[in-house]
Amino acid sequence: MLVSGVLSILQGITGIAEDRLYGVPRHYEYRFDLTSWGWIHLVVGVALVVVGVGMLRSMSWGRAAGLTTAAISLVTQFMFIPYYPLWSISVMALDLIILWGLARLAAF
């Protein structure tokens, strides 16, 4: 979760700084300003880092919060695919691994 959080924070900072790294799709339903996407990714990234630290400290709320924030991160990355596909798909794969691991942990 910490790695996914740091990657989302970096993605958010890049969007807020209005870097020309991201392409802007012409026809897309979830099209926001890149600054808006930057703030969304920054908030999700900070939440992932906080929950990841909570899980490392064995907090009681860690597993449920981890599943929730990883799922939110997965959805936001899916919606961001048209802007920067390779990065989004890579972080989505990481989020899926996190969700699978936490779900397996919750089953036992």
N, C-alpha and C. Protein backbone atom coordinates (compact mmCIF):
# COMPACT_ATOMS: atom_id res chain seq x y z
N MET A 1 0.82 -1.19 0.00
CA MET A 1 0.00 0.00 0.00
C MET A 1 0.86 1.26 0.00
N LEU A 2 1.98 1.17 0.66
CA LEU A 2 2.87 2.33 0.69
C LEU A 2 3.40 2.66 -0.70
N VAL A 3 3.74 1.64 -1.46
CA VAL A 3 4.26 1.87 -2.82
C VAL A 3 3.17 2.48 -3.71
N SER A 4 1.98 1.91 -3.64
CA SER A 4 0.88 2.44 -4.44
C SER A 4 0.55 3.87 -4.01
N GLY A 5 0.62 4.15 -2.72
CA GLY A 5 0.36 5.50 -2.22
C GLY A 5 1.39 6.49 -2.72
N VAL A 6 2.66 6.11 -2.66
CA VAL A 6 3.71 7.02 -3.14
C VAL A 6 3.56 7.26 -4.65
N LEU A 7 3.25 6.22 -5.41
CA LEU A 7 3.05 6.40 -6.85
C LEU A 7 1.87 7.32 -7.14
N SER A 8 0.80 7.20 -6.36
CA SER A 8 -0.36 8.07 -6.56
C SER A 8 -0.03 9.51 -6.16
N ILE A 9 0.76 9.68 -5.12
CA ILE A 9 1.18 11.03 -4.72
C ILE A 9 2.01 11.67 -5.83
N LEU A 10 2.94 10.92 -6.39
CA LEU A 10 3.74 11.45 -7.49
C LEU A 10 2.87 11.79 -8.71
N GLN A 11 1.90 10.94 -8.99
CA GLN A 11 0.98 11.19 -10.09
C GLN A 11 0.16 12.45 -9.82
N GLY A 12 -0.25 12.63 -8.57
CA GLY A 12 -1.02 13.81 -8.20
C GLY A 12 -0.20 15.09 -8.31
N ILE A 13 1.04 15.04 -7.85
CA ILE A 13 1.91 16.22 -7.94
C ILE A 13 2.14 16.61 -9.40
N THR A 14 2.31 15.61 -10.24
CA THR A 14 2.52 15.90 -11.67
C THR A 14 1.28 16.54 -12.28
N GLY A 15 0.11 16.08 -11.88
CA GLY A 15 -1.13 16.67 -12.40
C GLY A 15 -1.36 18.08 -11.89
N ILE A 16 -1.05 18.31 -10.62
CA ILE A 16 -1.22 19.64 -10.04
C ILE A 16 -0.26 20.64 -10.66
N ALA A 17 0.96 20.20 -10.94
CA ALA A 17 1.96 21.08 -11.53
C ALA A 17 1.69 21.36 -13.00
N GLU A 18 0.62 20.76 -13.54
CA GLU A 18 0.24 20.92 -14.94
C GLU A 18 1.38 20.59 -15.89
N ASP A 19 2.00 19.48 -15.59
CA ASP A 19 3.08 19.00 -16.45
C ASP A 19 2.50 18.54 -17.78
N ARG A 20 3.28 18.56 -18.79
CA ARG A 20 2.82 18.15 -20.12
C ARG A 20 3.03 16.64 -20.35
N LEU A 21 3.19 15.92 -19.28
CA LEU A 21 3.39 14.48 -19.36
C LEU A 21 2.11 13.77 -19.80
N TYR A 22 0.98 14.27 -19.36
CA TYR A 22 -0.29 13.61 -19.62
C TYR A 22 -0.92 14.13 -20.91
N GLY A 23 -1.51 13.19 -21.66
CA GLY A 23 -2.29 13.58 -22.83
C GLY A 23 -3.72 13.86 -22.41
N VAL A 24 -4.40 14.70 -23.15
CA VAL A 24 -5.78 15.04 -22.81
C VAL A 24 -6.69 14.46 -23.88
N PRO A 25 -7.52 13.49 -23.49
CA PRO A 25 -8.44 12.90 -24.49
C PRO A 25 -9.53 13.89 -24.89
N ARG A 26 -9.98 13.79 -26.12
CA ARG A 26 -11.00 14.73 -26.60
C ARG A 26 -12.41 14.35 -26.16
N HIS A 27 -12.75 13.09 -26.31
CA HIS A 27 -14.11 12.65 -25.99
C HIS A 27 -14.01 11.59 -24.89
N TYR A 28 -14.28 12.02 -23.68
CA TYR A 28 -14.19 11.10 -22.55
C TYR A 28 -15.19 11.57 -21.49
N GLU A 29 -16.01 10.67 -21.00
CA GLU A 29 -17.07 11.03 -20.06
C GLU A 29 -16.54 11.58 -18.74
N TYR A 30 -15.45 11.02 -18.24
CA TYR A 30 -14.92 11.41 -16.94
C TYR A 30 -13.78 12.42 -17.09
N ARG A 31 -13.89 13.28 -18.07
CA ARG A 31 -12.84 14.24 -18.34
C ARG A 31 -12.91 15.38 -17.32
N PHE A 32 -11.86 15.52 -16.54
CA PHE A 32 -11.70 16.62 -15.61
C PHE A 32 -10.47 17.40 -16.01
N ASP A 33 -10.32 18.54 -15.43
CA ASP A 33 -9.09 19.29 -15.58
C ASP A 33 -7.96 18.48 -14.95
N LEU A 34 -6.76 18.54 -15.51
CA LEU A 34 -5.65 17.77 -14.95
C LEU A 34 -5.32 18.16 -13.52
N THR A 35 -5.57 19.41 -13.16
CA THR A 35 -5.35 19.82 -11.78
C THR A 35 -6.33 19.11 -10.85
N SER A 36 -7.56 18.94 -11.28
CA SER A 36 -8.54 18.19 -10.49
C SER A 36 -8.11 16.74 -10.31
N TRP A 37 -7.67 16.12 -11.40
CA TRP A 37 -7.18 14.74 -11.31
C TRP A 37 -5.96 14.68 -10.39
N GLY A 38 -5.11 15.70 -10.45
CA GLY A 38 -3.94 15.73 -9.58
C GLY A 38 -4.33 15.74 -8.11
N TRP A 39 -5.30 16.56 -7.76
CA TRP A 39 -5.75 16.60 -6.37
C TRP A 39 -6.41 15.28 -5.95
N ILE A 40 -7.18 14.69 -6.85
CA ILE A 40 -7.81 13.40 -6.54
C ILE A 40 -6.74 12.35 -6.25
N HIS A 41 -5.73 12.27 -7.11
CA HIS A 41 -4.67 11.27 -6.91
C HIS A 41 -3.83 11.58 -5.68
N LEU A 42 -3.63 12.85 -5.39
CA LEU A 42 -2.86 13.22 -4.20
C LEU A 42 -3.61 12.81 -2.93
N VAL A 43 -4.89 13.06 -2.87
CA VAL A 43 -5.68 12.68 -1.68
C VAL A 43 -5.73 11.16 -1.52
N VAL A 44 -5.96 10.45 -2.62
CA VAL A 44 -5.99 8.98 -2.56
C VAL A 44 -4.62 8.43 -2.17
N GLY A 45 -3.56 9.02 -2.69
CA GLY A 45 -2.21 8.58 -2.35
C GLY A 45 -1.88 8.78 -0.88
N VAL A 46 -2.25 9.94 -0.34
CA VAL A 46 -2.01 10.19 1.09
C VAL A 46 -2.83 9.21 1.93
N ALA A 47 -4.07 8.94 1.53
CA ALA A 47 -4.89 7.97 2.26
C ALA A 47 -4.25 6.58 2.22
N LEU A 48 -3.72 6.19 1.07
CA LEU A 48 -3.05 4.88 0.97
C LEU A 48 -1.82 4.80 1.88
N VAL A 49 -1.05 5.87 1.94
CA VAL A 49 0.13 5.87 2.80
C VAL A 49 -0.27 5.80 4.27
N VAL A 50 -1.28 6.58 4.66
CA VAL A 50 -1.74 6.56 6.06
C VAL A 50 -2.26 5.19 6.44
N VAL A 51 -3.06 4.59 5.57
CA VAL A 51 -3.61 3.26 5.86
C VAL A 51 -2.49 2.21 5.85
N GLY A 52 -1.53 2.35 4.94
CA GLY A 52 -0.40 1.42 4.90
C GLY A 52 0.41 1.46 6.18
N VAL A 53 0.64 2.66 6.70
CA VAL A 53 1.35 2.79 7.98
C VAL A 53 0.51 2.19 9.10
N GLY A 54 -0.79 2.42 9.06
CA GLY A 54 -1.68 1.83 10.06
C GLY A 54 -1.66 0.31 10.03
N MET A 55 -1.59 -0.25 8.83
CA MET A 55 -1.52 -1.71 8.73
C MET A 55 -0.19 -2.24 9.25
N LEU A 56 0.89 -1.52 8.96
CA LEU A 56 2.19 -1.95 9.49
C LEU A 56 2.25 -1.89 11.00
N ARG A 57 1.48 -0.99 11.58
CA ARG A 57 1.42 -0.87 13.04
C ARG A 57 0.34 -1.76 13.65
N SER A 58 -0.28 -2.62 12.82
CA SER A 58 -1.31 -3.59 13.25
C SER A 58 -2.51 -2.92 13.90
N MET A 59 -2.96 -1.84 13.32
CA MET A 59 -4.16 -1.17 13.82
C MET A 59 -5.39 -2.00 13.46
N SER A 60 -6.39 -1.94 14.32
CA SER A 60 -7.58 -2.76 14.11
C SER A 60 -8.36 -2.34 12.87
N TRP A 61 -8.31 -1.10 12.49
CA TRP A 61 -9.04 -0.60 11.34
C TRP A 61 -8.28 -0.78 10.03
N GLY A 62 -7.08 -1.26 10.08
CA GLY A 62 -6.19 -1.30 8.93
C GLY A 62 -6.70 -2.12 7.76
N ARG A 63 -7.19 -3.32 8.03
CA ARG A 63 -7.59 -4.21 6.93
C ARG A 63 -8.80 -3.66 6.18
N ALA A 64 -9.82 -3.22 6.90
CA ALA A 64 -11.02 -2.69 6.24
C ALA A 64 -10.70 -1.40 5.50
N ALA A 65 -9.92 -0.53 6.12
CA ALA A 65 -9.54 0.72 5.46
C ALA A 65 -8.64 0.43 4.27
N GLY A 66 -7.81 -0.59 4.37
CA GLY A 66 -6.94 -0.96 3.25
C GLY A 66 -7.74 -1.45 2.05
N LEU A 67 -8.72 -2.29 2.30
CA LEU A 67 -9.58 -2.75 1.21
C LEU A 67 -10.32 -1.59 0.56
N THR A 68 -10.83 -0.68 1.38
CA THR A 68 -11.58 0.45 0.86
C THR A 68 -10.71 1.39 0.05
N THR A 69 -9.57 1.78 0.59
CA THR A 69 -8.72 2.74 -0.13
C THR A 69 -8.09 2.12 -1.38
N ALA A 70 -7.74 0.85 -1.33
CA ALA A 70 -7.20 0.20 -2.52
C ALA A 70 -8.27 0.10 -3.61
N ALA A 71 -9.51 -0.14 -3.23
CA ALA A 71 -10.60 -0.19 -4.21
C ALA A 71 -10.85 1.19 -4.82
N ILE A 72 -10.80 2.23 -3.99
CA ILE A 72 -10.97 3.59 -4.50
C ILE A 72 -9.83 3.95 -5.44
N SER A 73 -8.62 3.57 -5.07
CA SER A 73 -7.46 3.82 -5.93
C SER A 73 -7.60 3.09 -7.26
N LEU A 74 -8.09 1.87 -7.22
CA LEU A 74 -8.30 1.10 -8.45
C LEU A 74 -9.28 1.79 -9.38
N VAL A 75 -10.38 2.29 -8.83
CA VAL A 75 -11.39 2.97 -9.63
C VAL A 75 -10.84 4.27 -10.22
N THR A 76 -10.14 5.05 -9.41
CA THR A 76 -9.60 6.31 -9.92
C THR A 76 -8.54 6.07 -11.00
N GLN A 77 -7.74 5.03 -10.83
CA GLN A 77 -6.76 4.72 -11.86
C GLN A 77 -7.44 4.25 -13.14
N PHE A 78 -8.52 3.50 -13.01
CA PHE A 78 -9.27 3.05 -14.18
C PHE A 78 -9.83 4.24 -14.95
N MET A 79 -10.35 5.22 -14.21
CA MET A 79 -10.91 6.40 -14.85
C MET A 79 -9.83 7.29 -15.47
N PHE A 80 -8.58 7.12 -15.04
CA PHE A 80 -7.48 7.95 -15.53
C PHE A 80 -6.75 7.32 -16.72
N ILE A 81 -7.14 6.11 -17.12
CA ILE A 81 -6.44 5.39 -18.20
C ILE A 81 -6.27 6.23 -19.47
N PRO A 82 -7.27 6.97 -19.97
CA PRO A 82 -7.06 7.72 -21.21
C PRO A 82 -5.97 8.79 -21.13
N TYR A 83 -5.65 9.25 -19.92
CA TYR A 83 -4.65 10.30 -19.78
C TYR A 83 -3.22 9.75 -19.83
N TYR A 84 -3.00 8.63 -19.15
CA TYR A 84 -1.64 8.05 -19.12
C TYR A 84 -1.78 6.55 -18.89
N PRO A 85 -2.00 5.78 -19.96
CA PRO A 85 -2.40 4.37 -19.83
C PRO A 85 -1.38 3.46 -19.15
N LEU A 86 -0.12 3.56 -19.49
CA LEU A 86 0.85 2.61 -18.92
C LEU A 86 0.98 2.77 -17.41
N TRP A 87 1.04 4.00 -16.95
CA TRP A 87 1.16 4.25 -15.51
C TRP A 87 -0.11 3.77 -14.80
N SER A 88 -1.26 4.11 -15.34
CA SER A 88 -2.52 3.74 -14.69
C SER A 88 -2.70 2.23 -14.61
N ILE A 89 -2.38 1.53 -15.68
CA ILE A 89 -2.54 0.08 -15.68
C ILE A 89 -1.55 -0.57 -14.71
N SER A 90 -0.35 -0.02 -14.61
CA SER A 90 0.63 -0.56 -13.66
C SER A 90 0.16 -0.37 -12.22
N VAL A 91 -0.35 0.80 -11.89
CA VAL A 91 -0.84 1.04 -10.53
C VAL A 91 -2.10 0.23 -10.28
N MET A 92 -2.92 0.04 -11.31
CA MET A 92 -4.11 -0.80 -11.15
C MET A 92 -3.72 -2.24 -10.82
N ALA A 93 -2.69 -2.75 -11.47
CA ALA A 93 -2.22 -4.11 -11.17
C ALA A 93 -1.73 -4.18 -9.73
N LEU A 94 -1.02 -3.18 -9.29
CA LEU A 94 -0.56 -3.13 -7.89
C LEU A 94 -1.74 -3.08 -6.93
N ASP A 95 -2.75 -2.28 -7.25
CA ASP A 95 -3.94 -2.21 -6.40
C ASP A 95 -4.69 -3.54 -6.37
N LEU A 96 -4.74 -4.24 -7.50
CA LEU A 96 -5.38 -5.56 -7.50
C LEU A 96 -4.63 -6.56 -6.63
N ILE A 97 -3.31 -6.50 -6.65
CA ILE A 97 -2.51 -7.38 -5.78
C ILE A 97 -2.78 -7.05 -4.32
N ILE A 98 -2.89 -5.76 -4.00
CA ILE A 98 -3.20 -5.34 -2.63
C ILE A 98 -4.57 -5.87 -2.22
N LEU A 99 -5.56 -5.68 -3.09
CA LEU A 99 -6.92 -6.16 -2.78
C LEU A 99 -6.95 -7.67 -2.60
N TRP A 100 -6.26 -8.39 -3.47
CA TRP A 100 -6.24 -9.84 -3.36
C TRP A 100 -5.58 -10.26 -2.05
N GLY A 101 -4.46 -9.65 -1.73
CA GLY A 101 -3.75 -10.01 -0.49
C GLY A 101 -4.56 -9.71 0.76
N LEU A 102 -5.21 -8.55 0.78
CA LEU A 102 -6.02 -8.20 1.95
C LEU A 102 -7.27 -9.07 2.05
N ALA A 103 -7.85 -9.41 0.91
CA ALA A 103 -9.02 -10.29 0.93
C ALA A 103 -8.65 -11.69 1.39
N ARG A 104 -7.49 -12.19 0.98
CA ARG A 104 -7.03 -13.49 1.43
C ARG A 104 -6.71 -13.47 2.92
N LEU A 105 -6.14 -12.37 3.36
CA LEU A 105 -5.83 -12.21 4.78
C LEU A 105 -7.11 -12.17 5.61
N ALA A 106 -8.15 -11.54 5.07
CA ALA A 106 -9.41 -11.42 5.80
C ALA A 106 -10.14 -12.78 5.84
N ALA A 107 -9.84 -13.66 4.90
CA ALA A 107 -10.54 -14.95 4.85
C ALA A 107 -10.08 -15.87 5.96
N PHE A 108 -8.92 -15.64 6.50
CA PHE A 108 -8.41 -16.54 7.53
C PHE A 108 -8.56 -15.98 8.89
